Every structure is written in structure tokens, then in C-alpha cells.
Amino acid sequence: MASVLTAKAVEAAKLDPNGRREVPDGGCRGLYLVIQSSGAKSWALRYRFGGKSQKLTIGHVLHVRLSDAPVGGPALGQGHTLSEARRAAERALAAVSEGVDPAKAKKAAIEAARPVSEEALADKLAEAERDLVRTQGAAFVEGWCKAQKNRSWPEVERQFKAEINPVLGDRHVAHVTKRDVKDLLKAIVARGSPVTANRVFATLRKFFSWLVDEDVIAVSPCDGITKPTEETPRERVLTDPELQEVWRGMGAFEYPFGPMWRLLLLTGQRREEVAGIEWPELSLGGNWPEWKLPGSRTKNGKPHSVPLSHLVVAILGLLPREPIIAANGKKLEPKFAFTTTGETHVSGYSRSKARLDAEIGRLRTEANEAAEPMPPWGLHDLRRTVATRLAAFGVRLEVIEKILNHVSGSFAGIVGVYQKHDFEAEKRQALEAWTRYVELLVDERLWPKFQEWRVDGDREEETARSREFNAAILEGGPRWLSVLAAIRGDQDEVVLKLPLSRSRERFA
């Protein structure tokens, strides 16, 4: 049994002429007074870690401390009195019990305190940055999404910038926990964006799975997490009164969002496709104006042609096209039809949609203080509304699918292989018909007369009027002008081949 060392015993301890001497301290397990052959004295702790014997040098022996000890005791490597050496040894043994090797921790601390060159410091910073979520997220977009020709990579990139990086971007990928992922998703749901939470979860799950495949992490924190919310297929189709409110609300906003929203309504195309219109894609002159999207800009990767109605051409013709002064002072020719920077197309759809909803609410309250808010709707519902109304006009399903650039449905399987008709004429006819309907819908003078006209007569007459209206709106030209004349009550211009007895009486 080793004797308990005292300050006097430490000071009186003699060297061993045959070499190095170690004197155990019975007052602290593993602590030794080490006396070198030169007579120098120091403190050392012997302990076991990972099944092996280890040694920690605490510092040289200090017989008397002439000044106050540092708060928390002297650092390892500095002078220690007997009592200070015992406290240091106890702290080290406590670290061992928690799975930390104090000798390695001391070495790491010394390395961290050692001055490094600028080059070495840059290497350390680069290594620290390499495995952050934002760094690996950018690598994921470039190295997987784009490499796999995933058409949704811009949305994945947007999710990292807007949703993931502000919360997890500066975290090491290996330190992201399941709770971190859940907390992020819960916050997105709590702000009223459950579908966005599902999309972000899908991105995170693929991202961390990719990191596992790349041997960056061992286990994905998304394992065992379920989708934040259950989704049901959207079925929202805007009514005529809602379309009127939406159109008028859009008109309250100047470039870029006001005209961009109206193009969404008039063309039935996807939000990203309309927001990202580039001027070289547009042919606005001649008798057949059109918008040609390259496959790189469409969801299915196939080039897509959109015939432009006269109203769409008019809206595009009013957009600004003068050079834009960039942040660096450089003058840029506009590439995008809808841009505020000249270098990228517009974004921030959620915030701009919220402003549009607020304007629609204001218009409702202005018309009726007791009016209920408009039921929730999304920009994508405009696309569904266009398709539904075209079907009501009698437009064939395959034409509607061509307008929407769908490759499933009528063009799935073998049909898509052999059926190569482009339906350009049919698409143009349908989109012009839709534009005529929107123009009628938002005409505050003519729309009430239309409401009366279409229900003027018995059931047989109403059916005949409906058929003639649908045929005329698709055909356009004199036939459509005749319908408009009948709606206005211009008897001399009415040439409709349907019963108009009650209309003549009404507008006589």
C-alpha cells in the first residue's frame, strides 16, 4: 500500500542514482511523483483507456505557490502543487470514466494552441467547411441532382437556400440528429406550409441517403421518420366569380408579378416555366405568335410549344425591355421577361401570393364588409381551372394534355411512340377560346348580360344557347361576334341559328 504523499515528503524525495524514479501517491489513485536522474520533479497520472495502459504528464512540481492559482487550477503542462496535481488527476480520471482519453485531449489542445501558417489555417477552414450541410447540399445538387438530369433540381436548390440552410446550414452533416430534422419539418408545418414540409422532407431523405452512399456519414437521421402530413390530390377549380376577383387582384400589382400571374391564368402553364420566360423563347410577330420552351426548362424534359393568344401578346408587349444596371454597375440586356435583377428570373412566390390574397380580401371587403375570405387556392389551381374550362367548351382531352405538356394519359405507352401530330392548330384554337372567355368574364358591363342571356328561355333553348356558345367561342371570327351581339342585344347583328324569341323581347 503506497504512502500518502505530503508536501514535505515531495520536497525531501531524492533521485535514484540508477535512473528515473516514480513514487506513487496513496492519496490519489494513479498519481505519481516522477523524479528524473537530473533531479527534476514532475507529476504524472497512469490510467487504463481502451484496454491499454496510458500516461498523462500533469506538469512539473511546484513546492509553494507564491501567487493565487488560476481559476479552475493551472493548465496541464504548468507547475502544480501536490493538492493541485491531485485535483488535476481526479478531473482526468473523471474524463476517462466518460469515455474521453485525457492524454489525447491534452495533445489536441496543444495542437490547437500552436501557431499555424496561413496556408495551414486555410486548409483547416476548408476541411471544417467541407462537411457542413450547406456545402454538402451544394455538392448534392451538382453531383447528384444535375448528374441524374433531375428536372426538379432548381426546386431542390431553392429548398436548401430558403428552408434547410437557414436552420441546418452551418451544422456538420454527421451531427444532424433525427430531432433536428423533425424540428425543422414541424416549424414548416406550423407556419401553414404542410405540403412544403413534405417536399423538404423528401429532399432531406434523399440528401442524407446520398451522404451514406458517399461514405460521408454512417446513418441517415431521416431513418424512421414519416412524412409530416398526409396529402390528398388537389381538386380546386376556381369559380367564375373567383376568377373575376383573382383577375382584378392581379391588376393591382405592377411588373413583374401582376403580368406574370395573368400569363399563368391565360396560358395554363407551370409557375416556374412562366416565371422563367426568356425573351429568345418568344416569337411575338406574325400571325402565329408562340412561346417555345426547350426541354431543359420543362418538367418532363421535352420541348414544348405554347401558342400565344392576342391578349398574351399584348401583355408581353407592355413588359419593360430596357437594359438593367446590375449590382456591380454593369449594363445588362434583359434575358428574362420577368426579372428584377437582370441576372435571374423572379422568385419569392409565397410572399407575392400572400400579397395577392390580401388584395383579393380587400376587394371583397370593399364590396361587402361582411364578405367571407376567399377559400384557399394555389397558383397551380389556375392550371387545373384552365384545363377544366377547356373541357367544358368541348376541347378534346388530347388537345388539353398537349397544352399542359402531359405525356401520360392519352399519350402514354405505345400511343406516344407512334402518334406524332403536334396539335398546334388545335392548341391555338383552344387557348384563343379561353382568352375570349376571360375577356368576357372580366367585362363588368357585358358579363351580367351574358348571365341573363344564357338562361333566357326554356331548357331546350338554354341547351341550344350553351352549344352555340361553346362552338362560337372555339371558332371565333364572325360566329363569336354574333354571340356577343346577341348577348349585347344588338338585334341587327344577331345571326345565331338557335331560338332567340325571349332575347328579342328582352332587348327590344
Foldseek 3Di string as FASTA:
>chain_A
DAEADDLVCLVPDDADCVFKDWGDHPVAPQWTWIQGNVRWTFIKGWDDAPNHIDMATQATEDSDDPDDAPVVGDHRHYYDYPVRSRVVNVVQVVCRVVRDHVRVVSVVVVVVPDDDDPVVVVVVVCVLLCQFPQNLLVCCLVVPCVVVVQLCSVVSVVCCVPQNCVQRRNPGQQPQALVSLVVSLVVCVVVPHLVVSQVSLVSLVVSQVVCCVVVVYVDRNSPPPDRPDDDDDDDDADDLVRLLLLLVLLVVDDPDRSLLLVCCLLQLEDSQLSQFQFPVQWDLDDDWTKGWDQLSRDNVSHIAITTDAPVNSVSLVPQDQAWDQAPVRDTAGAGGSGPDHSPGGDDPVVVVVVSSQVSSVVVQCVVPVPDDRDPDDDSNSSSVNLLVVLVLLVQDPVLSCSSHVDCPDPNPDPNVVPPDDNCSVSSNLSSQLSVVVSVQSNPPVQVVLVVCQLPQDDPVQNVLLSNQCSVCSSVDDLSVVLNSCLSVLVVVSHDDPGDCVRSVVVSD
